Amino acid sequence: MVQQNPKNRVNPEQYARLKAEIAAPYRGLRQFIYISCGASGFIGGLVFLSQLLAGRDINSALPNLALQVGVVALMVFLWRWEQRRQKRS
């Protein structure tokens, strides 16, 4: 009969974390990227919205505002998709 060395046993918490990391590698990094890009898009959107409200350079501010809104929408979509995948596993 083979006995396990107590030093080789893994704490159940550590085992659960390792198992979750194997199932979805770099999840924390992806979520950080979603948050940071979403925040950047939100700040950019505020800047271009203020330019539109001030009436400055409307021809370039409007497409840039649309781009920033698209970035924020994409990051929200990716964040929610990531959360749904996490709940399934």
Protein backbone atom coordinates (compact mmCIF):
# COMPACT_ATOMS: atom_id res chain seq x y z
CA MET A 1 0.00 0.00 0.00
CA VAL A 2 1.31 3.45 -0.97
CA GLN A 3 1.00 6.21 1.58
CA GLN A 4 0.83 9.84 0.53
CA ASN A 5 3.30 12.21 2.03
CA PRO A 6 1.46 14.99 3.95
CA LYS A 7 3.64 17.57 2.15
CA ASN A 8 2.24 16.47 -1.23
CA ARG A 9 -1.38 17.02 -0.30
CA VAL A 10 -3.00 20.12 -1.70
CA ASN A 11 -5.24 22.34 0.35
CA PRO A 12 -8.88 22.07 -0.93
CA GLU A 13 -8.97 25.85 -1.51
CA GLN A 14 -5.81 25.72 -3.58
CA TYR A 15 -7.13 22.74 -5.51
CA ALA A 16 -10.37 24.58 -6.35
CA ARG A 17 -8.43 27.66 -7.52
CA LEU A 18 -6.11 25.54 -9.65
CA LYS A 19 -9.05 23.68 -11.15
CA ALA A 20 -10.80 26.97 -12.00
CA GLU A 21 -7.61 28.34 -13.58
CA ILE A 22 -7.24 25.22 -15.71
CA ALA A 23 -10.86 25.52 -16.87
CA ALA A 24 -10.47 29.20 -17.86
CA PRO A 25 -6.87 30.38 -18.04
CA TYR A 26 -6.20 34.12 -17.69
CA ARG A 27 -9.80 34.93 -16.72
CA GLY A 28 -8.66 37.59 -14.24
CA LEU A 29 -6.42 39.20 -16.85
CA ARG A 30 -9.23 39.26 -19.41
CA GLN A 31 -11.60 40.83 -16.90
CA PHE A 32 -9.01 43.49 -16.05
CA ILE A 33 -8.65 44.29 -19.76
CA TYR A 34 -12.44 44.53 -20.16
CA ILE A 35 -12.68 46.95 -17.24
CA SER A 36 -9.75 49.10 -18.31
CA CYS A 37 -10.83 49.34 -21.97
CA GLY A 38 -14.42 50.03 -20.92
CA ALA A 39 -13.30 52.79 -18.58
CA SER A 40 -11.11 54.29 -21.30
CA GLY A 41 -14.01 54.23 -23.75
CA PHE A 42 -16.30 55.82 -21.18
CA ILE A 43 -13.85 58.65 -20.51
CA GLY A 44 -13.31 59.17 -24.24
CA GLY A 45 -17.06 59.20 -24.75
CA LEU A 46 -17.46 61.92 -22.14
CA VAL A 47 -14.78 64.01 -23.85
CA PHE A 48 -16.37 63.71 -27.29
CA LEU A 49 -19.86 64.26 -25.88
CA SER A 50 -18.68 67.49 -24.27
CA GLN A 51 -17.17 68.58 -27.61
CA LEU A 52 -20.51 67.93 -29.30
CA LEU A 53 -22.42 69.84 -26.63
CA ALA A 54 -19.99 72.75 -26.98
CA GLY A 55 -20.38 72.69 -30.77
CA ARG A 56 -16.65 72.27 -31.40
CA ASP A 57 -15.47 70.22 -34.38
CA ILE A 58 -18.73 68.32 -34.81
CA ASN A 59 -17.61 66.55 -38.01
CA SER A 60 -14.87 64.60 -36.20
CA ALA A 61 -16.39 64.45 -32.70
CA LEU A 62 -19.52 62.56 -33.75
CA PRO A 63 -17.75 59.54 -35.34
CA ASN A 64 -15.30 59.44 -32.44
CA LEU A 65 -18.17 59.44 -29.95
CA ALA A 66 -19.80 56.57 -31.86
CA LEU A 67 -16.52 54.64 -31.73
CA GLN A 68 -16.19 55.17 -27.98
CA VAL A 69 -19.79 54.05 -27.40
CA GLY A 70 -19.03 50.95 -29.49
CA VAL A 71 -15.95 50.16 -27.41
CA VAL A 72 -17.93 50.45 -24.18
CA ALA A 73 -20.73 48.28 -25.58
CA LEU A 74 -18.23 45.64 -26.71
CA MET A 75 -16.56 45.54 -23.31
CA VAL A 76 -19.93 45.22 -21.54
CA PHE A 77 -20.86 42.37 -23.89
CA LEU A 78 -17.54 40.58 -23.32
CA TRP A 79 -17.79 41.04 -19.54
CA ARG A 80 -21.32 39.57 -19.45
CA TRP A 81 -20.28 36.70 -21.72
CA GLU A 82 -17.37 35.94 -19.41
CA GLN A 83 -19.68 35.97 -16.38
CA ARG A 84 -22.16 33.59 -18.07
CA ARG A 85 -19.33 31.22 -18.95
CA GLN A 86 -18.08 31.34 -15.36
CA LYS A 87 -21.51 30.46 -13.97
CA ARG A 88 -21.83 27.49 -16.33
CA SER A 89 -18.56 25.92 -15.20
